[in-house]
Amino acid sequence: MSNTSAQIQEALQTFLAEDEKFTAGNKSAGTRARKALMDLKKLADARRKEIQAEKNAG
């Protein structure tokens, strides 16, 4: 598993934890959940580029 994939899994776990807190009524957890989603987006874009580069190389 690539380093980026591991980071995606970590960011997803962070999002799920914060989303659960937000759903339970913790408003500040919503900000942290949104940040985790933005991190996921950036990591997903990075992984897409890695996959494309590997595909094109071989």
C-alpha atoms as a PDB file:
ATOM      1  CA  MET A   1       0.000   0.000   0.000  1.00  0.00           C
ATOM      2  CA  SER A   2       1.341   3.419  -0.882  1.00  0.00           C
ATOM      3  CA  ASN A   3       1.966   6.119   1.671  1.00  0.00           C
ATOM      4  CA  THR A   4      -0.815   8.200   0.125  1.00  0.00           C
ATOM      5  CA  SER A   5      -3.284   5.346   0.546  1.00  0.00           C
ATOM      6  CA  ALA A   6      -2.396   5.083   4.225  1.00  0.00           C
ATOM      7  CA  GLN A   7      -2.886   8.831   4.616  1.00  0.00           C
ATOM      8  CA  ILE A   8      -6.294   8.558   2.926  1.00  0.00           C
ATOM      9  CA  GLN A   9      -7.349   5.872   5.394  1.00  0.00           C
ATOM     10  CA  GLU A  10      -6.158   7.998   8.326  1.00  0.00           C
ATOM     11  CA  ALA A  11      -8.001  11.082   7.043  1.00  0.00           C
ATOM     12  CA  LEU A  12     -11.149   9.007   6.532  1.00  0.00           C
ATOM     13  CA  GLN A  13     -11.007   7.743  10.118  1.00  0.00           C
ATOM     14  CA  THR A  14     -10.568  11.321  11.343  1.00  0.00           C
ATOM     15  CA  PHE A  15     -13.559  12.451   9.297  1.00  0.00           C
ATOM     16  CA  LEU A  16     -15.755   9.612  10.558  1.00  0.00           C
ATOM     17  CA  ALA A  17     -14.881  10.357  14.196  1.00  0.00           C
ATOM     18  CA  GLU A  18     -15.522  14.089  13.839  1.00  0.00           C
ATOM     19  CA  ASP A  19     -18.708  13.552  11.831  1.00  0.00           C
ATOM     20  CA  GLU A  20     -20.057  11.312  14.573  1.00  0.00           C
ATOM     21  CA  LYS A  21     -19.307  14.016  17.166  1.00  0.00           C
ATOM     22  CA  PHE A  22     -20.977  16.634  14.951  1.00  0.00           C
ATOM     23  CA  THR A  23     -24.064  14.467  14.507  1.00  0.00           C
ATOM     24  CA  ALA A  24     -24.238  14.115  18.290  1.00  0.00           C
ATOM     25  CA  GLY A  25     -24.449  17.900  18.616  1.00  0.00           C
ATOM     26  CA  ASN A  26     -20.846  19.111  18.890  1.00  0.00           C
ATOM     27  CA  LYS A  27     -20.842  22.099  16.530  1.00  0.00           C
ATOM     28  CA  SER A  28     -17.062  22.623  16.572  1.00  0.00           C
ATOM     29  CA  ALA A  29     -16.578  19.052  15.357  1.00  0.00           C
ATOM     30  CA  GLY A  30     -18.262  20.167  12.129  1.00  0.00           C
ATOM     31  CA  THR A  31     -15.301  22.424  11.361  1.00  0.00           C
ATOM     32  CA  ARG A  32     -12.873  19.569  11.976  1.00  0.00           C
ATOM     33  CA  ALA A  33     -14.999  17.222   9.837  1.00  0.00           C
ATOM     34  CA  ARG A  34     -14.961  19.708   6.944  1.00  0.00           C
ATOM     35  CA  LYS A  35     -11.168  20.052   7.273  1.00  0.00           C
ATOM     36  CA  ALA A  36     -10.791  16.269   7.157  1.00  0.00           C
ATOM     37  CA  LEU A  37     -12.934  16.166   4.003  1.00  0.00           C
ATOM     38  CA  MET A  38     -10.708  18.773   2.353  1.00  0.00           C
ATOM     39  CA  ASP A  39      -7.649  16.729   3.309  1.00  0.00           C
ATOM     40  CA  LEU A  40      -9.319  13.671   1.759  1.00  0.00           C
ATOM     41  CA  LYS A  41      -9.928  15.589  -1.458  1.00  0.00           C
ATOM     42  CA  LYS A  42      -6.280  16.654  -1.693  1.00  0.00           C
ATOM     43  CA  LEU A  43      -5.036  13.154  -0.931  1.00  0.00           C
ATOM     44  CA  ALA A  44      -7.419  11.593  -3.451  1.00  0.00           C
ATOM     45  CA  ASP A  45      -6.157  13.966  -6.149  1.00  0.00           C
ATOM     46  CA  ALA A  46      -2.553  13.099  -5.255  1.00  0.00           C
ATOM     47  CA  ARG A  47      -3.291   9.364  -5.414  1.00  0.00           C
ATOM     48  CA  ARG A  48      -5.037   9.760  -8.783  1.00  0.00           C
ATOM     49  CA  LYS A  49      -1.881  11.414 -10.137  1.00  0.00           C
ATOM     50  CA  GLU A  50       0.298   8.616  -8.723  1.00  0.00           C
ATOM     51  CA  ILE A  51      -1.882   5.960 -10.341  1.00  0.00           C
ATOM     52  CA  GLN A  52      -1.866   7.766 -13.689  1.00  0.00           C
ATOM     53  CA  ALA A  53       1.918   8.168 -13.579  1.00  0.00           C
ATOM     54  CA  GLU A  54       2.378   4.441 -12.851  1.00  0.00           C
ATOM     55  CA  LYS A  55      -0.052   3.531 -15.625  1.00  0.00           C
ATOM     56  CA  ASN A  56       1.758   5.738 -18.146  1.00  0.00           C
ATOM     57  CA  ALA A  57       5.209   4.471 -17.111  1.00  0.00           C
ATOM     58  CA  GLY A  58       4.507   0.825 -17.642  1.00  0.00           C
END
